[in-house]
Amino acid sequence: MRTLSISAAKAKLNELVDDAARTHEHVTFTKNGAPVAVMISADEWESIQDTLFWQSQPGIREDLAQADDDTATSNTVSADDLRTRYGLPPVR
């Protein structure tokens, strides 16, 4: 993560934006030596928003824990069985 003062970042804004989009590098902006803002790529922001949405859904943590337990104990249904159950054609 890079840290720059706002005044130093102004001269490099295009470069910082390109780097954030290309490398997903975070940039912390400071004012009077204190962090005041962070720049991240739009893709990363969208991913964070998706994660926050799903983590805010009631019961999601329990559902994920149950899915982990089911996977660990092989309490699963094969893709072929699901296709048969729901009348979908087999994968070729």
PDB file of N, CA and C in Angstrom:
ATOM      1  N   MET A   1       0.847  -1.168   0.000  1.00  0.00           N
ATOM      2  CA  MET A   1       0.000   0.000   0.000  1.00  0.00           C
ATOM      3  C   MET A   1       0.895   1.234   0.000  1.00  0.00           C
ATOM      4  N   ARG A   2       0.576   2.146  -0.880  1.00  0.00           N
ATOM      5  CA  ARG A   2       1.315   3.404  -0.943  1.00  0.00           C
ATOM      6  C   ARG A   2       0.609   4.436  -0.078  1.00  0.00           C
ATOM      7  N   THR A   3       1.399   5.339   0.471  1.00  0.00           N
ATOM      8  CA  THR A   3       0.855   6.443   1.246  1.00  0.00           C
ATOM      9  C   THR A   3       1.429   7.735   0.700  1.00  0.00           C
ATOM     10  N   LEU A   4       0.551   8.662   0.378  1.00  0.00           N
ATOM     11  CA  LEU A   4       0.967   9.945  -0.177  1.00  0.00           C
ATOM     12  C   LEU A   4       0.144  11.058   0.440  1.00  0.00           C
ATOM     13  N   SER A   5       0.773  12.222   0.557  1.00  0.00           N
ATOM     14  CA  SER A   5       0.003  13.392   0.962  1.00  0.00           C
ATOM     15  C   SER A   5      -0.912  13.777  -0.192  1.00  0.00           C
ATOM     16  N   ILE A   6      -1.984  14.453   0.112  1.00  0.00           N
ATOM     17  CA  ILE A   6      -2.907  14.880  -0.937  1.00  0.00           C
ATOM     18  C   ILE A   6      -2.187  15.762  -1.944  1.00  0.00           C
ATOM     19  N   SER A   7      -1.335  16.648  -1.453  1.00  0.00           N
ATOM     20  CA  SER A   7      -0.630  17.549  -2.377  1.00  0.00           C
ATOM     21  C   SER A   7       0.304  16.772  -3.302  1.00  0.00           C
ATOM     22  N   ALA A   8       0.983  15.750  -2.807  1.00  0.00           N
ATOM     23  CA  ALA A   8       1.862  14.940  -3.655  1.00  0.00           C
ATOM     24  C   ALA A   8       1.044  14.090  -4.631  1.00  0.00           C
ATOM     25  N   ALA A   9      -0.121  13.657  -4.205  1.00  0.00           N
ATOM     26  CA  ALA A   9      -0.960  12.804  -5.048  1.00  0.00           C
ATOM     27  C   ALA A   9      -1.562  13.570  -6.219  1.00  0.00           C
ATOM     28  N   LYS A  10      -1.795  14.857  -6.043  1.00  0.00           N
ATOM     29  CA  LYS A  10      -2.416  15.648  -7.111  1.00  0.00           C
ATOM     30  C   LYS A  10      -1.627  15.549  -8.405  1.00  0.00           C
ATOM     31  N   ALA A  11      -0.312  15.628  -8.306  1.00  0.00           N
ATOM     32  CA  ALA A  11       0.536  15.598  -9.499  1.00  0.00           C
ATOM     33  C   ALA A  11       0.576  14.215 -10.141  1.00  0.00           C
ATOM     34  N   LYS A  12       0.231  13.174  -9.384  1.00  0.00           N
ATOM     35  CA  LYS A  12       0.316  11.797  -9.876  1.00  0.00           C
ATOM     36  C   LYS A  12      -1.051  11.131  -9.987  1.00  0.00           C
ATOM     37  N   LEU A  13      -2.116  11.900  -9.989  1.00  0.00           N
ATOM     38  CA  LEU A  13      -3.445  11.300  -9.901  1.00  0.00           C
ATOM     39  C   LEU A  13      -3.721  10.302 -11.023  1.00  0.00           C
ATOM     40  N   ASN A  14      -3.417  10.662 -12.266  1.00  0.00           N
ATOM     41  CA  ASN A  14      -3.661   9.728 -13.372  1.00  0.00           C
ATOM     42  C   ASN A  14      -2.889   8.429 -13.180  1.00  0.00           C
ATOM     43  N   GLU A  15      -1.633   8.538 -12.786  1.00  0.00           N
ATOM     44  CA  GLU A  15      -0.800   7.353 -12.551  1.00  0.00           C
ATOM     45  C   GLU A  15      -1.361   6.507 -11.408  1.00  0.00           C
ATOM     46  N   LEU A  16      -1.782   7.153 -10.334  1.00  0.00           N
ATOM     47  CA  LEU A  16      -2.328   6.429  -9.187  1.00  0.00           C
ATOM     48  C   LEU A  16      -3.613   5.686  -9.554  1.00  0.00           C
ATOM     49  N   VAL A  17      -4.468   6.340 -10.328  1.00  0.00           N
ATOM     50  CA  VAL A  17      -5.715   5.703 -10.756  1.00  0.00           C
ATOM     51  C   VAL A  17      -5.418   4.506 -11.655  1.00  0.00           C
ATOM     52  N   ASP A  18      -4.502   4.690 -12.609  1.00  0.00           N
ATOM     53  CA  ASP A  18      -4.133   3.576 -13.494  1.00  0.00           C
ATOM     54  C   ASP A  18      -3.559   2.407 -12.701  1.00  0.00           C
ATOM     55  N   ASP A  19      -2.680   2.706 -11.731  1.00  0.00           N
ATOM     56  CA  ASP A  19      -2.090   1.651 -10.904  1.00  0.00           C
ATOM     57  C   ASP A  19      -3.157   0.922 -10.084  1.00  0.00           C
ATOM     58  N   ALA A  20      -4.086   1.676  -9.523  1.00  0.00           N
ATOM     59  CA  ALA A  20      -5.151   1.054  -8.725  1.00  0.00           C
ATOM     60  C   ALA A  20      -5.975   0.104  -9.589  1.00  0.00           C
ATOM     61  N   ALA A  21      -6.282   0.533 -10.804  1.00  0.00           N
ATOM     62  CA  ALA A  21      -7.088  -0.306 -11.702  1.00  0.00           C
ATOM     63  C   ALA A  21      -6.314  -1.523 -12.190  1.00  0.00           C
ATOM     64  N   ARG A  22      -5.033  -1.340 -12.473  1.00  0.00           N
ATOM     65  CA  ARG A  22      -4.231  -2.416 -13.066  1.00  0.00           C
ATOM     66  C   ARG A  22      -3.684  -3.383 -12.021  1.00  0.00           C
ATOM     67  N   THR A  23      -3.170  -2.862 -10.910  1.00  0.00           N
ATOM     68  CA  THR A  23      -2.467  -3.708  -9.938  1.00  0.00           C
ATOM     69  C   THR A  23      -3.239  -3.922  -8.638  1.00  0.00           C
ATOM     70  N   HIS A  24      -4.353  -3.232  -8.487  1.00  0.00           N
ATOM     71  CA  HIS A  24      -5.147  -3.294  -7.255  1.00  0.00           C
ATOM     72  C   HIS A  24      -4.363  -2.804  -6.040  1.00  0.00           C
ATOM     73  N   GLU A  25      -3.383  -1.936  -6.291  1.00  0.00           N
ATOM     74  CA  GLU A  25      -2.631  -1.344  -5.184  1.00  0.00           C
ATOM     75  C   GLU A  25      -3.497  -0.300  -4.489  1.00  0.00           C
ATOM     76  N   HIS A  26      -3.516  -0.341  -3.169  1.00  0.00           N
ATOM     77  CA  HIS A  26      -4.252   0.654  -2.387  1.00  0.00           C
ATOM     78  C   HIS A  26      -3.366   1.873  -2.207  1.00  0.00           C
ATOM     79  N   VAL A  27      -3.989   3.038  -2.201  1.00  0.00           N
ATOM     80  CA  VAL A  27      -3.254   4.272  -1.944  1.00  0.00           C
ATOM     81  C   VAL A  27      -3.952   4.989  -0.799  1.00  0.00           C
ATOM     82  N   THR A  28      -3.194   5.282   0.243  1.00  0.00           N
ATOM     83  CA  THR A  28      -3.719   6.048   1.360  1.00  0.00           C
ATOM     84  C   THR A  28      -3.298   7.494   1.183  1.00  0.00           C
ATOM     85  N   PHE A  29      -4.255   8.392   1.285  1.00  0.00           N
ATOM     86  CA  PHE A  29      -3.974   9.819   1.187  1.00  0.00           C
ATOM     87  C   PHE A  29      -3.940  10.402   2.591  1.00  0.00           C
ATOM     88  N   THR A  30      -2.954  11.256   2.817  1.00  0.00           N
ATOM     89  CA  THR A  30      -2.823  11.887   4.123  1.00  0.00           C
ATOM     90  C   THR A  30      -2.993  13.396   4.007  1.00  0.00           C
ATOM     91  N   LYS A  31      -3.429  13.976   5.103  1.00  0.00           N
ATOM     92  CA  LYS A  31      -3.546  15.431   5.217  1.00  0.00           C
ATOM     93  C   LYS A  31      -2.974  15.800   6.573  1.00  0.00           C
ATOM     94  N   ASN A  32      -1.991  16.668   6.547  1.00  0.00           N
ATOM     95  CA  ASN A  32      -1.276  17.032   7.776  1.00  0.00           C
ATOM     96  C   ASN A  32      -0.719  15.790   8.475  1.00  0.00           C
ATOM     97  N   GLY A  33      -0.291  14.807   7.670  1.00  0.00           N
ATOM     98  CA  GLY A  33       0.341  13.604   8.198  1.00  0.00           C
ATOM     99  C   GLY A  33      -0.602  12.513   8.659  1.00  0.00           C
ATOM    100  N   ALA A  34      -1.895  12.772   8.651  1.00  0.00           N
ATOM    101  CA  ALA A  34      -2.863  11.776   9.123  1.00  0.00           C
ATOM    102  C   ALA A  34      -3.633  11.184   7.940  1.00  0.00           C
ATOM    103  N   PRO A  35      -3.892   9.880   7.948  1.00  0.00           N
ATOM    104  CA  PRO A  35      -4.670   9.273   6.868  1.00  0.00           C
ATOM    105  C   PRO A  35      -6.090   9.841   6.836  1.00  0.00           C
ATOM    106  N   VAL A  36      -6.551  10.199   5.625  1.00  0.00           N
ATOM    107  CA  VAL A  36      -7.897  10.758   5.490  1.00  0.00           C
ATOM    108  C   VAL A  36      -8.748  10.036   4.442  1.00  0.00           C
ATOM    109  N   ALA A  37      -8.115   9.301   3.532  1.00  0.00           N
ATOM    110  CA  ALA A  37      -8.871   8.605   2.485  1.00  0.00           C
ATOM    111  C   ALA A  37      -8.018   7.497   1.894  1.00  0.00           C
ATOM    112  N   VAL A  38      -8.690   6.539   1.248  1.00  0.00           N
ATOM    113  CA  VAL A  38      -8.004   5.429   0.591  1.00  0.00           C
ATOM    114  C   VAL A  38      -8.587   5.262  -0.806  1.00  0.00           C
ATOM    115  N   MET A  39      -7.708   5.041  -1.798  1.00  0.00           N
ATOM    116  CA  MET A  39      -8.147   4.755  -3.163  1.00  0.00           C
ATOM    117  C   MET A  39      -7.935   3.274  -3.431  1.00  0.00           C
ATOM    118  N   ILE A  40      -8.987   2.637  -3.966  1.00  0.00           N
ATOM    119  CA  ILE A  40      -8.906   1.247  -4.406  1.00  0.00           C
ATOM    120  C   ILE A  40      -9.530   1.164  -5.796  1.00  0.00           C
ATOM    121  N   SER A  41      -9.295   0.059  -6.481  1.00  0.00           N
ATOM    122  CA  SER A  41      -9.864  -0.103  -7.821  1.00  0.00           C
ATOM    123  C   SER A  41     -11.381  -0.255  -7.737  1.00  0.00           C
ATOM    124  N   ALA A  42     -12.044   0.069  -8.831  1.00  0.00           N
ATOM    125  CA  ALA A  42     -13.499  -0.093  -8.900  1.00  0.00           C
ATOM    126  C   ALA A  42     -13.888  -1.560  -8.729  1.00  0.00           C
ATOM    127  N   ASP A  43     -13.093  -2.479  -9.296  1.00  0.00           N
ATOM    128  CA  ASP A  43     -13.372  -3.915  -9.142  1.00  0.00           C
ATOM    129  C   ASP A  43     -13.322  -4.332  -7.679  1.00  0.00           C
ATOM    130  N   GLU A  44     -12.308  -3.833  -6.975  1.00  0.00           N
ATOM    131  CA  GLU A  44     -12.175  -4.187  -5.564  1.00  0.00           C
ATOM    132  C   GLU A  44     -13.322  -3.594  -4.748  1.00  0.00           C
ATOM    133  N   TRP A  45     -13.706  -2.363  -5.063  1.00  0.00           N
ATOM    134  CA  TRP A  45     -14.828  -1.725  -4.370  1.00  0.00           C
ATOM    135  C   TRP A  45     -16.105  -2.546  -4.567  1.00  0.00           C
ATOM    136  N   GLU A  46     -16.358  -2.981  -5.800  1.00  0.00           N
ATOM    137  CA  GLU A  46     -17.544  -3.784  -6.086  1.00  0.00           C
ATOM    138  C   GLU A  46     -17.507  -5.099  -5.312  1.00  0.00           C
ATOM    139  N   SER A  47     -16.336  -5.716  -5.240  1.00  0.00           N
ATOM    140  CA  SER A  47     -16.187  -6.963  -4.498  1.00  0.00           C
ATOM    141  C   SER A  47     -16.477  -6.756  -3.012  1.00  0.00           C
ATOM    142  N   ILE A  48     -15.972  -5.665  -2.464  1.00  0.00           N
ATOM    143  CA  ILE A  48     -16.224  -5.348  -1.049  1.00  0.00           C
ATOM    144  C   ILE A  48     -17.716  -5.138  -0.818  1.00  0.00           C
ATOM    145  N   GLN A  49     -18.362  -4.412  -1.713  1.00  0.00           N
ATOM    146  CA  GLN A  49     -19.795  -4.165  -1.572  1.00  0.00           C
ATOM    147  C   GLN A  49     -20.593  -5.467  -1.640  1.00  0.00           C
ATOM    148  N   ASP A  50     -20.215  -6.354  -2.557  1.00  0.00           N
ATOM    149  CA  ASP A  50     -20.884  -7.658  -2.649  1.00  0.00           C
ATOM    150  C   ASP A  50     -20.712  -8.451  -1.358  1.00  0.00           C
ATOM    151  N   THR A  51     -19.487  -8.459  -0.843  1.00  0.00           N
ATOM    152  CA  THR A  51     -19.212  -9.182   0.402  1.00  0.00           C
ATOM    153  C   THR A  51     -20.032  -8.613   1.550  1.00  0.00           C
ATOM    154  N   LEU A  52     -20.062  -7.297   1.674  1.00  0.00           N
ATOM    155  CA  LEU A  52     -20.837  -6.667   2.745  1.00  0.00           C
ATOM    156  C   LEU A  52     -22.322  -6.997   2.618  1.00  0.00           C
ATOM    157  N   PHE A  53     -22.823  -6.987   1.386  1.00  0.00           N
ATOM    158  CA  PHE A  53     -24.233  -7.326   1.186  1.00  0.00           C
ATOM    159  C   PHE A  53     -24.516  -8.741   1.679  1.00  0.00           C
ATOM    160  N   TRP A  54     -23.727  -9.704   1.201  1.00  0.00           N
ATOM    161  CA  TRP A  54     -24.004 -11.088   1.567  1.00  0.00           C
ATOM    162  C   TRP A  54     -23.782 -11.341   3.046  1.00  0.00           C
ATOM    163  N   GLN A  55     -22.784 -10.703   3.636  1.00  0.00           N
ATOM    164  CA  GLN A  55     -22.538 -10.888   5.066  1.00  0.00           C
ATOM    165  C   GLN A  55     -23.641 -10.269   5.919  1.00  0.00           C
ATOM    166  N   SER A  56     -24.402  -9.341   5.350  1.00  0.00           N
ATOM    167  CA  SER A  56     -25.483  -8.702   6.104  1.00  0.00           C
ATOM    168  C   SER A  56     -26.798  -9.485   6.030  1.00  0.00           C
ATOM    169  N   GLN A  57     -26.849 -10.529   5.222  1.00  0.00           N
ATOM    170  CA  GLN A  57     -28.086 -11.298   5.067  1.00  0.00           C
ATOM    171  C   GLN A  57     -28.285 -12.211   6.278  1.00  0.00           C
ATOM    172  N   PRO A  58     -29.484 -12.183   6.858  1.00  0.00           N
ATOM    173  CA  PRO A  58     -29.744 -13.010   8.039  1.00  0.00           C
ATOM    174  C   PRO A  58     -29.480 -14.494   7.751  1.00  0.00           C
ATOM    175  N   GLY A  59     -28.762 -15.133   8.646  1.00  0.00           N
ATOM    176  CA  GLY A  59     -28.521 -16.566   8.559  1.00  0.00           C
ATOM    177  C   GLY A  59     -27.414 -16.992   7.614  1.00  0.00           C
ATOM    178  N   ILE A  60     -26.764 -16.049   6.923  1.00  0.00           N
ATOM    179  CA  ILE A  60     -25.768 -16.436   5.918  1.00  0.00           C
ATOM    180  C   ILE A  60     -24.579 -17.153   6.553  1.00  0.00           C
ATOM    181  N   ARG A  61     -24.139 -16.695   7.710  1.00  0.00           N
ATOM    182  CA  ARG A  61     -22.981 -17.339   8.346  1.00  0.00           C
ATOM    183  C   ARG A  61     -23.299 -18.788   8.719  1.00  0.00           C
ATOM    184  N   GLU A  62     -24.504 -18.993   9.227  1.00  0.00           N
ATOM    185  CA  GLU A  62     -24.918 -20.348   9.584  1.00  0.00           C
ATOM    186  C   GLU A  62     -25.038 -21.223   8.334  1.00  0.00           C
ATOM    187  N   ASP A  63     -25.588 -20.641   7.257  1.00  0.00           N
ATOM    188  CA  ASP A  63     -25.709 -21.392   6.002  1.00  0.00           C
ATOM    189  C   ASP A  63     -24.339 -21.795   5.467  1.00  0.00           C
ATOM    190  N   LEU A  64     -23.381 -20.875   5.529  1.00  0.00           N
ATOM    191  CA  LEU A  64     -22.029 -21.179   5.054  1.00  0.00           C
ATOM    192  C   LEU A  64     -21.364 -22.238   5.924  1.00  0.00           C
ATOM    193  N   ALA A  65     -21.563 -22.137   7.238  1.00  0.00           N
ATOM    194  CA  ALA A  65     -20.997 -23.139   8.142  1.00  0.00           C
ATOM    195  C   ALA A  65     -21.606 -24.512   7.855  1.00  0.00           C
ATOM    196  N   GLN A  66     -22.911 -24.551   7.602  1.00  0.00           N
ATOM    197  CA  GLN A  66     -23.570 -25.819   7.282  1.00  0.00           C
ATOM    198  C   GLN A  66     -23.043 -26.376   5.965  1.00  0.00           C
ATOM    199  N   ALA A  67     -22.841 -25.512   4.984  1.00  0.00           N
ATOM    200  CA  ALA A  67     -22.300 -25.959   3.693  1.00  0.00           C
ATOM    201  C   ALA A  67     -20.895 -26.525   3.864  1.00  0.00           C
ATOM    202  N   ASP A  68     -20.077 -25.877   4.693  1.00  0.00           N
ATOM    203  CA  ASP A  68     -18.735 -26.400   4.970  1.00  0.00           C
ATOM    204  C   ASP A  68     -18.817 -27.775   5.623  1.00  0.00           C
ATOM    205  N   ASP A  69     -19.709 -27.909   6.616  1.00  0.00           N
ATOM    206  CA  ASP A  69     -19.881 -29.202   7.289  1.00  0.00           C
ATOM    207  C   ASP A  69     -20.358 -30.272   6.306  1.00  0.00           C
ATOM    208  N   ASP A  70     -21.323 -29.915   5.464  1.00  0.00           N
ATOM    209  CA  ASP A  70     -21.841 -30.874   4.481  1.00  0.00           C
ATOM    210  C   ASP A  70     -20.743 -31.324   3.524  1.00  0.00           C
ATOM    211  N   THR A  71     -19.926 -30.389   3.089  1.00  0.00           N
ATOM    212  CA  THR A  71     -18.835 -30.733   2.178  1.00  0.00           C
ATOM    213  C   THR A  71     -17.821 -31.634   2.870  1.00  0.00           C
ATOM    214  N   ALA A  72     -17.487 -31.304   4.116  1.00  0.00           N
ATOM    215  CA  ALA A  72     -16.497 -32.088   4.859  1.00  0.00           C
ATOM    216  C   ALA A  72     -16.969 -33.519   5.104  1.00  0.00           C
ATOM    217  N   THR A  73     -18.268 -33.697   5.254  1.00  0.00           N
ATOM    218  CA  THR A  73     -18.805 -35.035   5.528  1.00  0.00           C
ATOM    219  C   THR A  73     -19.375 -35.700   4.276  1.00  0.00           C
ATOM    220  N   SER A  74     -19.092 -35.119   3.119  1.00  0.00           N
ATOM    221  CA  SER A  74     -19.581 -35.636   1.828  1.00  0.00           C
ATOM    222  C   SER A  74     -21.101 -35.726   1.776  1.00  0.00           C
ATOM    223  N   ASN A  75     -21.767 -34.871   2.508  1.00  0.00           N
ATOM    224  CA  ASN A  75     -23.231 -34.796   2.475  1.00  0.00           C
ATOM    225  C   ASN A  75     -23.618 -33.851   1.339  1.00  0.00           C
ATOM    226  N   THR A  76     -23.363 -34.308   0.120  1.00  0.00           N
ATOM    227  CA  THR A  76     -23.573 -33.469  -1.058  1.00  0.00           C
ATOM    228  C   THR A  76     -24.367 -34.230  -2.110  1.00  0.00           C
ATOM    229  N   VAL A  77     -24.782 -33.516  -3.134  1.00  0.00           N
ATOM    230  CA  VAL A  77     -25.509 -34.111  -4.254  1.00  0.00           C
ATOM    231  C   VAL A  77     -24.688 -33.833  -5.503  1.00  0.00           C
ATOM    232  N   SER A  78     -24.497 -34.844  -6.324  1.00  0.00           N
ATOM    233  CA  SER A  78     -23.693 -34.663  -7.533  1.00  0.00           C
ATOM    234  C   SER A  78     -24.434 -33.793  -8.546  1.00  0.00           C
ATOM    235  N   ALA A  79     -23.672 -33.198  -9.434  1.00  0.00           N
ATOM    236  CA  ALA A  79     -24.261 -32.380 -10.498  1.00  0.00           C
ATOM    237  C   ALA A  79     -25.179 -33.221 -11.372  1.00  0.00           C
ATOM    238  N   ASP A  80     -24.774 -34.462 -11.645  1.00  0.00           N
ATOM    239  CA  ASP A  80     -25.619 -35.350 -12.459  1.00  0.00           C
ATOM    240  C   ASP A  80     -26.956 -35.624 -11.773  1.00  0.00           C
ATOM    241  N   ASP A  81     -26.915 -35.857 -10.456  1.00  0.00           N
ATOM    242  CA  ASP A  81     -28.161 -36.098  -9.720  1.00  0.00           C
ATOM    243  C   ASP A  81     -29.060 -34.859  -9.726  1.00  0.00           C
ATOM    244  N   LEU A  82     -28.460 -33.692  -9.586  1.00  0.00           N
ATOM    245  CA  LEU A  82     -29.249 -32.457  -9.634  1.00  0.00           C
ATOM    246  C   LEU A  82     -29.888 -32.263 -11.003  1.00  0.00           C
ATOM    247  N   ARG A  83     -29.122 -32.556 -12.050  1.00  0.00           N
ATOM    248  CA  ARG A  83     -29.662 -32.416 -13.406  1.00  0.00           C
ATOM    249  C   ARG A  83     -30.848 -33.367 -13.601  1.00  0.00           C
ATOM    250  N   THR A  84     -30.717 -34.591 -13.119  1.00  0.00           N
ATOM    251  CA  THR A  84     -31.805 -35.561 -13.228  1.00  0.00           C
ATOM    252  C   THR A  84     -33.017 -35.088 -12.425  1.00  0.00           C
ATOM    253  N   ARG A  85     -32.776 -34.650 -11.209  1.00  0.00           N
ATOM    254  CA  ARG A  85     -33.857 -34.213 -10.321  1.00  0.00           C
ATOM    255  C   ARG A  85     -34.661 -33.068 -10.935  1.00  0.00           C
ATOM    256  N   TYR A  86     -33.970 -32.149 -11.609  1.00  0.00           N
ATOM    257  CA  TYR A  86     -34.645 -30.966 -12.151  1.00  0.00           C
ATOM    258  C   TYR A  86     -34.875 -31.038 -13.656  1.00  0.00           C
ATOM    259  N   GLY A  87     -34.698 -32.228 -14.228  1.00  0.00           N
ATOM    260  CA  GLY A  87     -35.020 -32.437 -15.627  1.00  0.00           C
ATOM    261  C   GLY A  87     -34.128 -31.700 -16.606  1.00  0.00           C
ATOM    262  N   LEU A  88     -32.884 -31.501 -16.232  1.00  0.00           N
ATOM    263  CA  LEU A  88     -31.938 -30.825 -17.120  1.00  0.00           C
ATOM    264  C   LEU A  88     -31.151 -31.855 -17.917  1.00  0.00           C
ATOM    265  N   PRO A  89     -30.748 -31.503 -19.122  1.00  0.00           N
ATOM    266  CA  PRO A  89     -29.984 -32.460 -19.931  1.00  0.00           C
ATOM    267  C   PRO A  89     -28.592 -32.687 -19.345  1.00  0.00           C
ATOM    268  N   PRO A  90     -28.014 -33.858 -19.597  1.00  0.00           N
ATOM    269  CA  PRO A  90     -26.654 -34.131 -19.104  1.00  0.00           C
ATOM    270  C   PRO A  90     -25.637 -33.222 -19.785  1.00  0.00           C
ATOM    271  N   VAL A  91     -24.548 -32.992 -19.087  1.00  0.00           N
ATOM    272  CA  VAL A  91     -23.448 -32.200 -19.649  1.00  0.00           C
ATOM    273  C   VAL A  91     -22.657 -33.091 -20.578  1.00  0.00           C
ATOM    274  N   ARG A  92     -22.302 -32.577 -21.731  1.00  0.00           N
ATOM    275  CA  ARG A  92     -21.535 -33.380 -22.698  1.00  0.00           C
ATOM    276  C   ARG A  92     -20.099 -33.002 -22.660  1.00  0.00           C
TER     277      ARG A  92
END
